[in-house]
Amino acid sequence: HGDRSNATTYHKLNTIEVERKRAQFSTWYEFFPRSAAQEPGK
C-alpha cells in the first residue's frame, strides 16, 4: 500500500507463448504409411 505513483514501467510489453509439454519434450518416429503392409507387393 505504499506510494507507487511515480513508478517507472518498462516501455515495452514482452510476450511469452506458453505451450504444452510435448512442444519441449517429444520423441518422433517416421514411416511411410504406404509401406506398412505386412504382405510383399501390397
PDB file of all heavy atoms in Angstrom:
ATOM      1  N   HIS A   1       0.801  -1.227   0.000  1.00  0.00           N
ATOM      2  CA  HIS A   1       0.000   0.000   0.000  1.00  0.00           C
ATOM      3  C   HIS A   1       0.834   1.277   0.000  1.00  0.00           C
ATOM      4  O   HIS A   1       0.265   2.375   0.098  1.00  0.00           O
ATOM      5  CB  HIS A   1      -0.938  -0.004   1.214  1.00  0.00           C
ATOM      6  CG  HIS A   1      -1.822  -1.201   1.268  1.00  0.00           C
ATOM      7  ND1 HIS A   1      -2.898  -1.375   0.425  1.00  0.00           N
ATOM      8  CD2 HIS A   1      -1.767  -2.322   2.053  1.00  0.00           C
ATOM      9  CE1 HIS A   1      -3.479  -2.541   0.691  1.00  0.00           C
ATOM     10  NE2 HIS A   1      -2.821  -3.128   1.674  1.00  0.00           N
ATOM     11  N   GLY A   2       2.147   1.154  -0.128  1.00  0.00           N
ATOM     12  CA  GLY A   2       2.976   2.338  -0.193  1.00  0.00           C
ATOM     13  C   GLY A   2       2.800   3.090  -1.507  1.00  0.00           C
ATOM     14  O   GLY A   2       2.158   2.604  -2.454  1.00  0.00           O
ATOM     15  N   ASP A   3       3.386   4.250  -1.582  1.00  0.00           N
ATOM     16  CA  ASP A   3       3.218   5.138  -2.744  1.00  0.00           C
ATOM     17  C   ASP A   3       3.992   4.607  -3.951  1.00  0.00           C
ATOM     18  O   ASP A   3       5.212   4.486  -3.913  1.00  0.00           O
ATOM     19  CB  ASP A   3       3.707   6.541  -2.371  1.00  0.00           C
ATOM     20  CG  ASP A   3       3.516   7.524  -3.520  1.00  0.00           C
ATOM     21  OD1 ASP A   3       2.714   7.217  -4.435  1.00  0.00           O
ATOM     22  OD2 ASP A   3       4.171   8.575  -3.510  1.00  0.00           O
ATOM     23  N   ARG A   4       3.254   4.307  -5.029  1.00  0.00           N
ATOM     24  CA  ARG A   4       3.878   3.876  -6.284  1.00  0.00           C
ATOM     25  C   ARG A   4       3.555   4.855  -7.422  1.00  0.00           C
ATOM     26  O   ARG A   4       3.746   4.534  -8.591  1.00  0.00           O
ATOM     27  CB  ARG A   4       3.406   2.474  -6.683  1.00  0.00           C
ATOM     28  CG  ARG A   4       3.674   1.379  -5.666  1.00  0.00           C
ATOM     29  CD  ARG A   4       3.296   0.025  -6.240  1.00  0.00           C
ATOM     30  NE  ARG A   4       3.435  -1.051  -5.275  1.00  0.00           N
ATOM     31  CZ  ARG A   4       3.237  -2.351  -5.552  1.00  0.00           C
ATOM     32  NH1 ARG A   4       2.888  -2.690  -6.792  1.00  0.00           N
ATOM     33  NH2 ARG A   4       3.384  -3.268  -4.624  1.00  0.00           N
ATOM     34  N   SER A   5       3.071   6.006  -7.090  1.00  0.00           N
ATOM     35  CA  SER A   5       2.575   6.920  -8.118  1.00  0.00           C
ATOM     36  C   SER A   5       3.655   7.388  -9.077  1.00  0.00           C
ATOM     37  O   SER A   5       3.360   7.776 -10.211  1.00  0.00           O
ATOM     38  CB  SER A   5       1.903   8.126  -7.456  1.00  0.00           C
ATOM     39  OG  SER A   5       2.833   8.830  -6.632  1.00  0.00           O
ATOM     40  N   ASN A   6       4.891   7.361  -8.660  1.00  0.00           N
ATOM     41  CA  ASN A   6       5.980   7.806  -9.531  1.00  0.00           C
ATOM     42  C   ASN A   6       6.791   6.626 -10.076  1.00  0.00           C
ATOM     43  O   ASN A   6       7.969   6.781 -10.412  1.00  0.00           O
ATOM     44  CB  ASN A   6       6.894   8.775  -8.772  1.00  0.00           C
ATOM     45  CG  ASN A   6       6.178  10.053  -8.399  1.00  0.00           C
ATOM     46  OD1 ASN A   6       5.411  10.581  -9.190  1.00  0.00           O
ATOM     47  ND2 ASN A   6       6.417  10.538  -7.183  1.00  0.00           N
ATOM     48  N   ALA A   7       6.169   5.459 -10.147  1.00  0.00           N
ATOM     49  CA  ALA A   7       6.861   4.263 -10.642  1.00  0.00           C
ATOM     50  C   ALA A   7       7.196   4.401 -12.124  1.00  0.00           C
ATOM     51  O   ALA A   7       6.464   5.040 -12.896  1.00  0.00           O
ATOM     52  CB  ALA A   7       6.009   3.027 -10.412  1.00  0.00           C
ATOM     53  N   THR A   8       8.293   3.791 -12.505  1.00  0.00           N
ATOM     54  CA  THR A   8       8.681   3.691 -13.915  1.00  0.00           C
ATOM     55  C   THR A   8       8.300   2.306 -14.424  1.00  0.00           C
ATOM     56  O   THR A   8       8.638   1.301 -13.799  1.00  0.00           O
ATOM     57  CB  THR A   8      10.198   3.891 -14.088  1.00  0.00           C
ATOM     58  OG1 THR A   8      10.563   5.182 -13.597  1.00  0.00           O
ATOM     59  CG2 THR A   8      10.600   3.766 -15.545  1.00  0.00           C
ATOM     60  N   THR A   9       7.613   2.261 -15.548  1.00  0.00           N
ATOM     61  CA  THR A   9       7.268   0.988 -16.175  1.00  0.00           C
ATOM     62  C   THR A   9       8.055   0.855 -17.467  1.00  0.00           C
ATOM     63  O   THR A   9       8.124   1.804 -18.254  1.00  0.00           O
ATOM     64  CB  THR A   9       5.761   0.907 -16.476  1.00  0.00           C
ATOM     65  OG1 THR A   9       5.038   1.078 -15.251  1.00  0.00           O
ATOM     66  CG2 THR A   9       5.400  -0.443 -17.084  1.00  0.00           C
ATOM     67  N   TYR A  10       8.658  -0.317 -17.656  1.00  0.00           N
ATOM     68  CA  TYR A  10       9.426  -0.554 -18.877  1.00  0.00           C
ATOM     69  C   TYR A  10       8.561  -0.245 -20.091  1.00  0.00           C
ATOM     70  O   TYR A  10       7.373  -0.588 -20.131  1.00  0.00           O
ATOM     71  CB  TYR A  10       9.911  -2.001 -18.910  1.00  0.00           C
ATOM     72  CG  TYR A  10      10.853  -2.318 -20.044  1.00  0.00           C
ATOM     73  CD1 TYR A  10      12.059  -1.639 -20.190  1.00  0.00           C
ATOM     74  CD2 TYR A  10      10.548  -3.321 -20.963  1.00  0.00           C
ATOM     75  CE1 TYR A  10      12.929  -1.932 -21.228  1.00  0.00           C
ATOM     76  CE2 TYR A  10      11.411  -3.636 -22.000  1.00  0.00           C
ATOM     77  CZ  TYR A  10      12.602  -2.931 -22.131  1.00  0.00           C
ATOM     78  OH  TYR A  10      13.460  -3.229 -23.164  1.00  0.00           O
ATOM     79  N   HIS A  11       9.149   0.387 -21.078  1.00  0.00           N
ATOM     80  CA  HIS A  11       8.372   0.962 -22.173  1.00  0.00           C
ATOM     81  C   HIS A  11       7.852  -0.056 -23.180  1.00  0.00           C
ATOM     82  O   HIS A  11       7.165   0.319 -24.132  1.00  0.00           O
ATOM     83  CB  HIS A  11       9.204   2.017 -22.909  1.00  0.00           C
ATOM     84  CG  HIS A  11      10.446   1.468 -23.558  1.00  0.00           C
ATOM     85  ND1 HIS A  11      11.559   1.117 -22.844  1.00  0.00           N
ATOM     86  CD2 HIS A  11      10.729   1.193 -24.855  1.00  0.00           C
ATOM     87  CE1 HIS A  11      12.488   0.663 -23.673  1.00  0.00           C
ATOM     88  NE2 HIS A  11      12.011   0.694 -24.893  1.00  0.00           N
ATOM     89  N   LYS A  12       8.151  -1.348 -22.974  1.00  0.00           N
ATOM     90  CA  LYS A  12       7.675  -2.354 -23.917  1.00  0.00           C
ATOM     91  C   LYS A  12       6.972  -3.479 -23.169  1.00  0.00           C
ATOM     92  O   LYS A  12       7.305  -3.789 -22.027  1.00  0.00           O
ATOM     93  CB  LYS A  12       8.840  -2.950 -24.714  1.00  0.00           C
ATOM     94  CG  LYS A  12       9.565  -1.954 -25.608  1.00  0.00           C
ATOM     95  CD  LYS A  12      10.772  -2.612 -26.245  1.00  0.00           C
ATOM     96  CE  LYS A  12      11.565  -1.615 -27.077  1.00  0.00           C
ATOM     97  NZ  LYS A  12      12.811  -2.212 -27.599  1.00  0.00           N
ATOM     98  N   LEU A  13       6.004  -4.090 -23.845  1.00  0.00           N
ATOM     99  CA  LEU A  13       5.390  -5.315 -23.358  1.00  0.00           C
ATOM    100  C   LEU A  13       6.037  -6.489 -24.079  1.00  0.00           C
ATOM    101  O   LEU A  13       6.050  -6.541 -25.312  1.00  0.00           O
ATOM    102  CB  LEU A  13       3.887  -5.320 -23.639  1.00  0.00           C
ATOM    103  CG  LEU A  13       2.957  -4.656 -22.626  1.00  0.00           C
ATOM    104  CD1 LEU A  13       1.523  -4.812 -23.089  1.00  0.00           C
ATOM    105  CD2 LEU A  13       3.130  -5.267 -21.245  1.00  0.00           C
ATOM    106  N   ASN A  14       6.603  -7.408 -23.328  1.00  0.00           N
ATOM    107  CA  ASN A  14       7.147  -8.625 -23.922  1.00  0.00           C
ATOM    108  C   ASN A  14       6.098  -9.728 -23.842  1.00  0.00           C
ATOM    109  O   ASN A  14       5.301  -9.774 -22.896  1.00  0.00           O
ATOM    110  CB  ASN A  14       8.418  -9.062 -23.189  1.00  0.00           C
ATOM    111  CG  ASN A  14       9.586  -8.158 -23.516  1.00  0.00           C
ATOM    112  OD1 ASN A  14       9.852  -7.870 -24.670  1.00  0.00           O
ATOM    113  ND2 ASN A  14      10.285  -7.683 -22.497  1.00  0.00           N
ATOM    114  N   THR A  15       6.096 -10.612 -24.815  1.00  0.00           N
ATOM    115  CA  THR A  15       5.106 -11.681 -24.847  1.00  0.00           C
ATOM    116  C   THR A  15       5.781 -13.046 -24.753  1.00  0.00           C
ATOM    117  O   THR A  15       6.904 -13.239 -25.219  1.00  0.00           O
ATOM    118  CB  THR A  15       4.261 -11.620 -26.136  1.00  0.00           C
ATOM    119  OG1 THR A  15       5.134 -11.533 -27.265  1.00  0.00           O
ATOM    120  CG2 THR A  15       3.336 -10.427 -26.115  1.00  0.00           C
ATOM    121  N   ILE A  16       5.071 -13.971 -24.147  1.00  0.00           N
ATOM    122  CA  ILE A  16       5.551 -15.341 -23.938  1.00  0.00           C
ATOM    123  C   ILE A  16       4.465 -16.296 -24.406  1.00  0.00           C
ATOM    124  O   ILE A  16       3.309 -16.179 -23.992  1.00  0.00           O
ATOM    125  CB  ILE A  16       5.875 -15.605 -22.458  1.00  0.00           C
ATOM    126  CG1 ILE A  16       7.003 -14.685 -21.984  1.00  0.00           C
ATOM    127  CG2 ILE A  16       6.240 -17.063 -22.226  1.00  0.00           C
ATOM    128  CD1 ILE A  16       7.245 -14.730 -20.492  1.00  0.00           C
ATOM    129  N   GLU A  17       4.817 -17.217 -25.286  1.00  0.00           N
ATOM    130  CA  GLU A  17       3.872 -18.232 -25.741  1.00  0.00           C
ATOM    131  C   GLU A  17       4.028 -19.464 -24.860  1.00  0.00           C
ATOM    132  O   GLU A  17       5.079 -20.118 -24.863  1.00  0.00           O
ATOM    133  CB  GLU A  17       4.131 -18.604 -27.202  1.00  0.00           C
ATOM    134  CG  GLU A  17       3.132 -19.600 -27.774  1.00  0.00           C
ATOM    135  CD  GLU A  17       1.768 -18.992 -28.074  1.00  0.00           C
ATOM    136  OE1 GLU A  17       1.627 -17.761 -27.976  1.00  0.00           O
ATOM    137  OE2 GLU A  17       0.848 -19.754 -28.403  1.00  0.00           O
ATOM    138  N   VAL A  18       2.994 -19.758 -24.085  1.00  0.00           N
ATOM    139  CA  VAL A  18       3.021 -20.914 -23.188  1.00  0.00           C
ATOM    140  C   VAL A  18       2.410 -22.100 -23.932  1.00  0.00           C
ATOM    141  O   VAL A  18       1.228 -22.072 -24.289  1.00  0.00           O
ATOM    142  CB  VAL A  18       2.263 -20.624 -21.880  1.00  0.00           C
ATOM    143  CG1 VAL A  18       2.289 -21.848 -20.971  1.00  0.00           C
ATOM    144  CG2 VAL A  18       2.881 -19.418 -21.170  1.00  0.00           C
ATOM    145  N   GLU A  19       3.221 -23.112 -24.158  1.00  0.00           N
ATOM    146  CA  GLU A  19       2.811 -24.263 -24.953  1.00  0.00           C
ATOM    147  C   GLU A  19       2.738 -25.502 -24.066  1.00  0.00           C
ATOM    148  O   GLU A  19       3.193 -25.499 -22.936  1.00  0.00           O
ATOM    149  CB  GLU A  19       3.821 -24.468 -26.089  1.00  0.00           C
ATOM    150  CG  GLU A  19       3.976 -23.226 -26.963  1.00  0.00           C
ATOM    151  CD  GLU A  19       5.234 -23.230 -27.813  1.00  0.00           C
ATOM    152  OE1 GLU A  19       5.938 -24.255 -27.830  1.00  0.00           O
ATOM    153  OE2 GLU A  19       5.508 -22.205 -28.445  1.00  0.00           O
ATOM    154  N   ARG A  20       2.183 -26.558 -24.617  1.00  0.00           N
ATOM    155  CA  ARG A  20       2.099 -27.780 -23.826  1.00  0.00           C
ATOM    156  C   ARG A  20       3.449 -28.485 -23.768  1.00  0.00           C
ATOM    157  O   ARG A  20       4.346 -28.229 -24.567  1.00  0.00           O
ATOM    158  CB  ARG A  20       1.018 -28.705 -24.372  1.00  0.00           C
ATOM    159  CG  ARG A  20       1.189 -29.150 -25.812  1.00  0.00           C
ATOM    160  CD  ARG A  20      -0.099 -29.792 -26.298  1.00  0.00           C
ATOM    161  NE  ARG A  20      -0.035 -30.162 -27.701  1.00  0.00           N
ATOM    162  CZ  ARG A  20       0.123 -31.410 -28.147  1.00  0.00           C
ATOM    163  NH1 ARG A  20       0.252 -32.414 -27.288  1.00  0.00           N
ATOM    164  NH2 ARG A  20       0.153 -31.664 -29.433  1.00  0.00           N
ATOM    165  N   LYS A  21       3.569 -29.402 -22.836  1.00  0.00           N
ATOM    166  CA  LYS A  21       4.842 -30.049 -22.547  1.00  0.00           C
ATOM    167  C   LYS A  21       5.448 -30.729 -23.772  1.00  0.00           C
ATOM    168  O   LYS A  21       6.670 -30.733 -23.950  1.00  0.00           O
ATOM    169  CB  LYS A  21       4.645 -31.080 -21.422  1.00  0.00           C
ATOM    170  CG  LYS A  21       5.874 -31.882 -21.051  1.00  0.00           C
ATOM    171  CD  LYS A  21       6.917 -31.061 -20.330  1.00  0.00           C
ATOM    172  CE  LYS A  21       8.057 -31.943 -19.832  1.00  0.00           C
ATOM    173  NZ  LYS A  21       9.110 -31.167 -19.152  1.00  0.00           N
ATOM    174  N   ARG A  22       4.620 -31.277 -24.637  1.00  0.00           N
ATOM    175  CA  ARG A  22       5.156 -32.015 -25.791  1.00  0.00           C
ATOM    176  C   ARG A  22       5.909 -31.118 -26.756  1.00  0.00           C
ATOM    177  O   ARG A  22       6.709 -31.593 -27.558  1.00  0.00           O
ATOM    178  CB  ARG A  22       4.044 -32.780 -26.502  1.00  0.00           C
ATOM    179  CG  ARG A  22       4.563 -33.754 -27.554  1.00  0.00           C
ATOM    180  CD  ARG A  22       3.659 -34.940 -27.735  1.00  0.00           C
ATOM    181  NE  ARG A  22       3.690 -35.833 -26.598  1.00  0.00           N
ATOM    182  CZ  ARG A  22       2.929 -36.925 -26.475  1.00  0.00           C
ATOM    183  NH1 ARG A  22       2.065 -37.236 -27.431  1.00  0.00           N
ATOM    184  NH2 ARG A  22       3.011 -37.695 -25.401  1.00  0.00           N
ATOM    185  N   ALA A  23       5.664 -29.813 -26.704  1.00  0.00           N
ATOM    186  CA  ALA A  23       6.459 -28.909 -27.527  1.00  0.00           C
ATOM    187  C   ALA A  23       7.914 -28.927 -27.093  1.00  0.00           C
ATOM    188  O   ALA A  23       8.819 -28.730 -27.905  1.00  0.00           O
ATOM    189  CB  ALA A  23       5.905 -27.486 -27.433  1.00  0.00           C
ATOM    190  N   GLN A  24       8.156 -29.199 -25.822  1.00  0.00           N
ATOM    191  CA  GLN A  24       9.516 -29.216 -25.285  1.00  0.00           C
ATOM    192  C   GLN A  24      10.111 -30.615 -25.225  1.00  0.00           C
ATOM    193  O   GLN A  24      11.326 -30.788 -25.355  1.00  0.00           O
ATOM    194  CB  GLN A  24       9.506 -28.633 -23.866  1.00  0.00           C
ATOM    195  CG  GLN A  24      10.860 -28.668 -23.164  1.00  0.00           C
ATOM    196  CD  GLN A  24      10.787 -28.076 -21.780  1.00  0.00           C
ATOM    197  OE1 GLN A  24      10.830 -26.868 -21.619  1.00  0.00           O
ATOM    198  NE2 GLN A  24      10.663 -28.922 -20.764  1.00  0.00           N
ATOM    199  N   PHE A  25       9.273 -31.623 -25.044  1.00  0.00           N
ATOM    200  CA  PHE A  25       9.771 -32.987 -24.878  1.00  0.00           C
ATOM    201  C   PHE A  25       8.943 -33.926 -25.736  1.00  0.00           C
ATOM    202  O   PHE A  25       7.776 -34.189 -25.450  1.00  0.00           O
ATOM    203  CB  PHE A  25       9.698 -33.400 -23.408  1.00  0.00           C
ATOM    204  CG  PHE A  25      10.084 -34.836 -23.158  1.00  0.00           C
ATOM    205  CD1 PHE A  25      11.337 -35.307 -23.544  1.00  0.00           C
ATOM    206  CD2 PHE A  25       9.209 -35.710 -22.538  1.00  0.00           C
ATOM    207  CE1 PHE A  25      11.703 -36.626 -23.321  1.00  0.00           C
ATOM    208  CE2 PHE A  25       9.567 -37.028 -22.299  1.00  0.00           C
ATOM    209  CZ  PHE A  25      10.819 -37.486 -22.697  1.00  0.00           C
ATOM    210  N   SER A  26       9.544 -34.420 -26.814  1.00  0.00           N
ATOM    211  CA  SER A  26       8.836 -35.320 -27.720  1.00  0.00           C
ATOM    212  C   SER A  26       9.831 -36.248 -28.392  1.00  0.00           C
ATOM    213  O   SER A  26      11.006 -35.925 -28.557  1.00  0.00           O
ATOM    214  CB  SER A  26       8.056 -34.526 -28.781  1.00  0.00           C
ATOM    215  OG  SER A  26       8.931 -33.719 -29.550  1.00  0.00           O
ATOM    216  N   THR A  27       9.334 -37.412 -28.787  1.00  0.00           N
ATOM    217  CA  THR A  27      10.167 -38.440 -29.402  1.00  0.00           C
ATOM    218  C   THR A  27       9.453 -38.913 -30.665  1.00  0.00           C
ATOM    219  O   THR A  27       8.411 -39.561 -30.591  1.00  0.00           O
ATOM    220  CB  THR A  27      10.381 -39.614 -28.423  1.00  0.00           C
ATOM    221  OG1 THR A  27      10.781 -39.095 -27.149  1.00  0.00           O
ATOM    222  CG2 THR A  27      11.451 -40.553 -28.932  1.00  0.00           C
ATOM    223  N   TRP A  28      10.008 -38.558 -31.826  1.00  0.00           N
ATOM    224  CA  TRP A  28       9.330 -38.739 -33.117  1.00  0.00           C
ATOM    225  C   TRP A  28       9.814 -40.001 -33.835  1.00  0.00           C
ATOM    226  O   TRP A  28      11.002 -40.334 -33.813  1.00  0.00           O
ATOM    227  CB  TRP A  28       9.604 -37.553 -34.018  1.00  0.00           C
ATOM    228  CG  TRP A  28       9.012 -36.248 -33.585  1.00  0.00           C
ATOM    229  CD1 TRP A  28       9.169 -35.615 -32.389  1.00  0.00           C
ATOM    230  CD2 TRP A  28       8.175 -35.397 -34.376  1.00  0.00           C
ATOM    231  NE1 TRP A  28       8.485 -34.431 -32.383  1.00  0.00           N
ATOM    232  CE2 TRP A  28       7.869 -34.267 -33.594  1.00  0.00           C
ATOM    233  CE3 TRP A  28       7.670 -35.479 -35.673  1.00  0.00           C
ATOM    234  CZ2 TRP A  28       7.066 -33.228 -34.069  1.00  0.00           C
ATOM    235  CZ3 TRP A  28       6.888 -34.444 -36.143  1.00  0.00           C
ATOM    236  CH2 TRP A  28       6.577 -33.328 -35.345  1.00  0.00           C
ATOM    237  N   TYR A  29       8.861 -40.639 -34.503  1.00  0.00           N
ATOM    238  CA  TYR A  29       9.174 -41.775 -35.368  1.00  0.00           C
ATOM    239  C   TYR A  29       8.455 -41.547 -36.695  1.00  0.00           C
ATOM    240  O   TYR A  29       7.274 -41.198 -36.723  1.00  0.00           O
ATOM    241  CB  TYR A  29       8.706 -43.074 -34.730  1.00  0.00           C
ATOM    242  CG  TYR A  29       9.083 -44.331 -35.486  1.00  0.00           C
ATOM    243  CD1 TYR A  29      10.358 -44.870 -35.367  1.00  0.00           C
ATOM    244  CD2 TYR A  29       8.167 -44.990 -36.304  1.00  0.00           C
ATOM    245  CE1 TYR A  29      10.710 -46.035 -36.051  1.00  0.00           C
ATOM    246  CE2 TYR A  29       8.516 -46.151 -36.982  1.00  0.00           C
ATOM    247  CZ  TYR A  29       9.780 -46.662 -36.852  1.00  0.00           C
ATOM    248  OH  TYR A  29      10.128 -47.812 -37.529  1.00  0.00           O
ATOM    249  N   GLU A  30       9.184 -41.731 -37.782  1.00  0.00           N
ATOM    250  CA  GLU A  30       8.618 -41.504 -39.109  1.00  0.00           C
ATOM    251  C   GLU A  30       8.595 -42.792 -39.910  1.00  0.00           C
ATOM    252  O   GLU A  30       9.596 -43.507 -39.979  1.00  0.00           O
ATOM    253  CB  GLU A  30       9.449 -40.455 -39.868  1.00  0.00           C
ATOM    254  CG  GLU A  30       9.007 -40.230 -41.305  1.00  0.00           C
ATOM    255  CD  GLU A  30       9.874 -39.234 -42.058  1.00  0.00           C
ATOM    256  OE1 GLU A  30      10.867 -38.744 -41.477  1.00  0.00           O
ATOM    257  OE2 GLU A  30       9.556 -38.943 -43.233  1.00  0.00           O
ATOM    258  N   PHE A  31       7.444 -43.107 -40.491  1.00  0.00           N
ATOM    259  CA  PHE A  31       7.421 -44.150 -41.516  1.00  0.00           C
ATOM    260  C   PHE A  31       6.368 -43.806 -42.563  1.00  0.00           C
ATOM    261  O   PHE A  31       5.465 -43.003 -42.335  1.00  0.00           O
ATOM    262  CB  PHE A  31       7.229 -45.557 -40.937  1.00  0.00           C
ATOM    263  CG  PHE A  31       5.850 -45.908 -40.431  1.00  0.00           C
ATOM    264  CD1 PHE A  31       4.795 -46.158 -41.300  1.00  0.00           C
ATOM    265  CD2 PHE A  31       5.612 -46.050 -39.066  1.00  0.00           C
ATOM    266  CE1 PHE A  31       3.541 -46.516 -40.837  1.00  0.00           C
ATOM    267  CE2 PHE A  31       4.359 -46.408 -38.593  1.00  0.00           C
ATOM    268  CZ  PHE A  31       3.319 -46.639 -39.473  1.00  0.00           C
ATOM    269  N   PHE A  32       6.516 -44.421 -43.733  1.00  0.00           N
ATOM    270  CA  PHE A  32       5.605 -44.179 -44.847  1.00  0.00           C
ATOM    271  C   PHE A  32       4.400 -45.113 -44.713  1.00  0.00           C
ATOM    272  O   PHE A  32       4.565 -46.345 -44.748  1.00  0.00           O
ATOM    273  CB  PHE A  32       6.302 -44.451 -46.176  1.00  0.00           C
ATOM    274  CG  PHE A  32       7.288 -43.394 -46.595  1.00  0.00           C
ATOM    275  CD1 PHE A  32       8.478 -43.201 -45.898  1.00  0.00           C
ATOM    276  CD2 PHE A  32       7.032 -42.584 -47.697  1.00  0.00           C
ATOM    277  CE1 PHE A  32       9.389 -42.236 -46.282  1.00  0.00           C
ATOM    278  CE2 PHE A  32       7.941 -41.610 -48.093  1.00  0.00           C
ATOM    279  CZ  PHE A  32       9.127 -41.430 -47.380  1.00  0.00           C
ATOM    280  N   PRO A  33       3.195 -44.603 -44.575  1.00  0.00           N
ATOM    281  CA  PRO A  33       2.021 -45.479 -44.444  1.00  0.00           C
ATOM    282  C   PRO A  33       1.869 -46.461 -45.599  1.00  0.00           C
ATOM    283  O   PRO A  33       1.404 -47.579 -45.405  1.00  0.00           O
ATOM    284  CB  PRO A  33       0.848 -44.489 -44.395  1.00  0.00           C
ATOM    285  CG  PRO A  33       1.443 -43.243 -43.853  1.00  0.00           C
ATOM    286  CD  PRO A  33       2.829 -43.191 -44.423  1.00  0.00           C
ATOM    287  N   ARG A  34       2.278 -46.051 -46.786  1.00  0.00           N
ATOM    288  CA  ARG A  34       2.105 -46.950 -47.933  1.00  0.00           C
ATOM    289  C   ARG A  34       3.040 -48.148 -47.857  1.00  0.00           C
ATOM    290  O   ARG A  34       2.861 -49.128 -48.591  1.00  0.00           O
ATOM    291  CB  ARG A  34       2.307 -46.190 -49.235  1.00  0.00           C
ATOM    292  CG  ARG A  34       3.731 -45.736 -49.513  1.00  0.00           C
ATOM    293  CD  ARG A  34       3.765 -44.870 -50.757  1.00  0.00           C
ATOM    294  NE  ARG A  34       5.121 -44.540 -51.191  1.00  0.00           N
ATOM    295  CZ  ARG A  34       5.389 -43.697 -52.186  1.00  0.00           C
ATOM    296  NH1 ARG A  34       4.398 -43.124 -52.847  1.00  0.00           N
ATOM    297  NH2 ARG A  34       6.637 -43.450 -52.547  1.00  0.00           N
ATOM    298  N   SER A  35       4.049 -48.092 -46.964  1.00  0.00           N
ATOM    299  CA  SER A  35       4.963 -49.229 -46.780  1.00  0.00           C
ATOM    300  C   SER A  35       4.623 -50.032 -45.530  1.00  0.00           C
ATOM    301  O   SER A  35       5.450 -50.796 -45.033  1.00  0.00           O
ATOM    302  CB  SER A  35       6.407 -48.735 -46.690  1.00  0.00           C
ATOM    303  OG  SER A  35       6.829 -48.129 -47.892  1.00  0.00           O
ATOM    304  N   ALA A  36       3.409 -49.884 -45.007  1.00  0.00           N
ATOM    305  CA  ALA A  36       3.042 -50.533 -43.747  1.00  0.00           C
ATOM    306  C   ALA A  36       2.424 -51.916 -43.934  1.00  0.00           C
ATOM    307  O   ALA A  36       2.163 -52.603 -42.950  1.00  0.00           O
ATOM    308  CB  ALA A  36       2.069 -49.640 -42.976  1.00  0.00           C
ATOM    309  N   ALA A  37       2.187 -52.324 -45.169  1.00  0.00           N
ATOM    310  CA  ALA A  37       1.534 -53.618 -45.398  1.00  0.00           C
ATOM    311  C   ALA A  37       2.413 -54.762 -44.912  1.00  0.00           C
ATOM    312  O   ALA A  37       3.646 -54.701 -44.984  1.00  0.00           O
ATOM    313  CB  ALA A  37       1.202 -53.789 -46.873  1.00  0.00           C
ATOM    314  N   GLN A  38       1.766 -55.796 -44.433  1.00  0.00           N
ATOM    315  CA  GLN A  38       2.514 -56.957 -43.947  1.00  0.00           C
ATOM    316  C   GLN A  38       2.870 -57.919 -45.069  1.00  0.00           C
ATOM    317  O   GLN A  38       3.788 -58.729 -44.927  1.00  0.00           O
ATOM    318  CB  GLN A  38       1.698 -57.684 -42.871  1.00  0.00           C
ATOM    319  CG  GLN A  38       1.448 -56.824 -41.635  1.00  0.00           C
ATOM    320  CD  GLN A  38       0.808 -57.614 -40.512  1.00  0.00           C
ATOM    321  OE1 GLN A  38       0.560 -58.810 -40.639  1.00  0.00           O
ATOM    322  NE2 GLN A  38       0.543 -56.948 -39.406  1.00  0.00           N
ATOM    323  N   GLU A  39       2.155 -57.840 -46.197  1.00  0.00           N
ATOM    324  CA  GLU A  39       2.416 -58.746 -47.310  1.00  0.00           C
ATOM    325  C   GLU A  39       3.205 -58.033 -48.396  1.00  0.00           C
ATOM    326  O   GLU A  39       2.888 -56.891 -48.755  1.00  0.00           O
ATOM    327  CB  GLU A  39       1.094 -59.259 -47.897  1.00  0.00           C
ATOM    328  CG  GLU A  39       0.268 -60.071 -46.917  1.00  0.00           C
ATOM    329  CD  GLU A  39      -1.024 -60.552 -47.549  1.00  0.00           C
ATOM    330  OE1 GLU A  39      -0.987 -60.931 -48.749  1.00  0.00           O
ATOM    331  OE2 GLU A  39      -2.053 -60.530 -46.868  1.00  0.00           O
ATOM    332  N   PRO A  40       4.241 -58.672 -48.942  1.00  0.00           N
ATOM    333  CA  PRO A  40       5.015 -58.063 -50.027  1.00  0.00           C
ATOM    334  C   PRO A  40       4.128 -57.753 -51.232  1.00  0.00           C
ATOM    335  O   PRO A  40       3.174 -58.475 -51.530  1.00  0.00           O
ATOM    336  CB  PRO A  40       6.053 -59.144 -50.372  1.00  0.00           C
ATOM    337  CG  PRO A  40       6.134 -60.011 -49.161  1.00  0.00           C
ATOM    338  CD  PRO A  40       4.757 -59.993 -48.554  1.00  0.00           C
ATOM    339  N   GLY A  41       4.449 -56.636 -51.891  1.00  0.00           N
ATOM    340  CA  GLY A  41       3.742 -56.275 -53.109  1.00  0.00           C
ATOM    341  C   GLY A  41       2.433 -55.555 -52.899  1.00  0.00           C
ATOM    342  O   GLY A  41       1.760 -55.207 -53.871  1.00  0.00           O
ATOM    343  N   LYS A  42       2.044 -55.329 -51.645  1.00  0.00           N
ATOM    344  CA  LYS A  42       0.791 -54.643 -51.377  1.00  0.00           C
ATOM    345  C   LYS A  42       1.045 -53.226 -50.889  1.00  0.00           C
ATOM    346  O   LYS A  42       2.032 -52.949 -50.209  1.00  0.00           O
ATOM    347  CB  LYS A  42      -0.031 -55.411 -50.331  1.00  0.00           C
ATOM    348  CG  LYS A  42      -0.646 -56.690 -50.873  1.00  0.00           C
ATOM    349  CD  LYS A  42      -1.767 -57.186 -49.977  1.00  0.00           C
ATOM    350  CE  LYS A  42      -2.506 -58.354 -50.617  1.00  0.00           C
ATOM    351  NZ  LYS A  42      -3.632 -58.823 -49.774  1.00  0.00           N
TER     352      LYS A  42
END
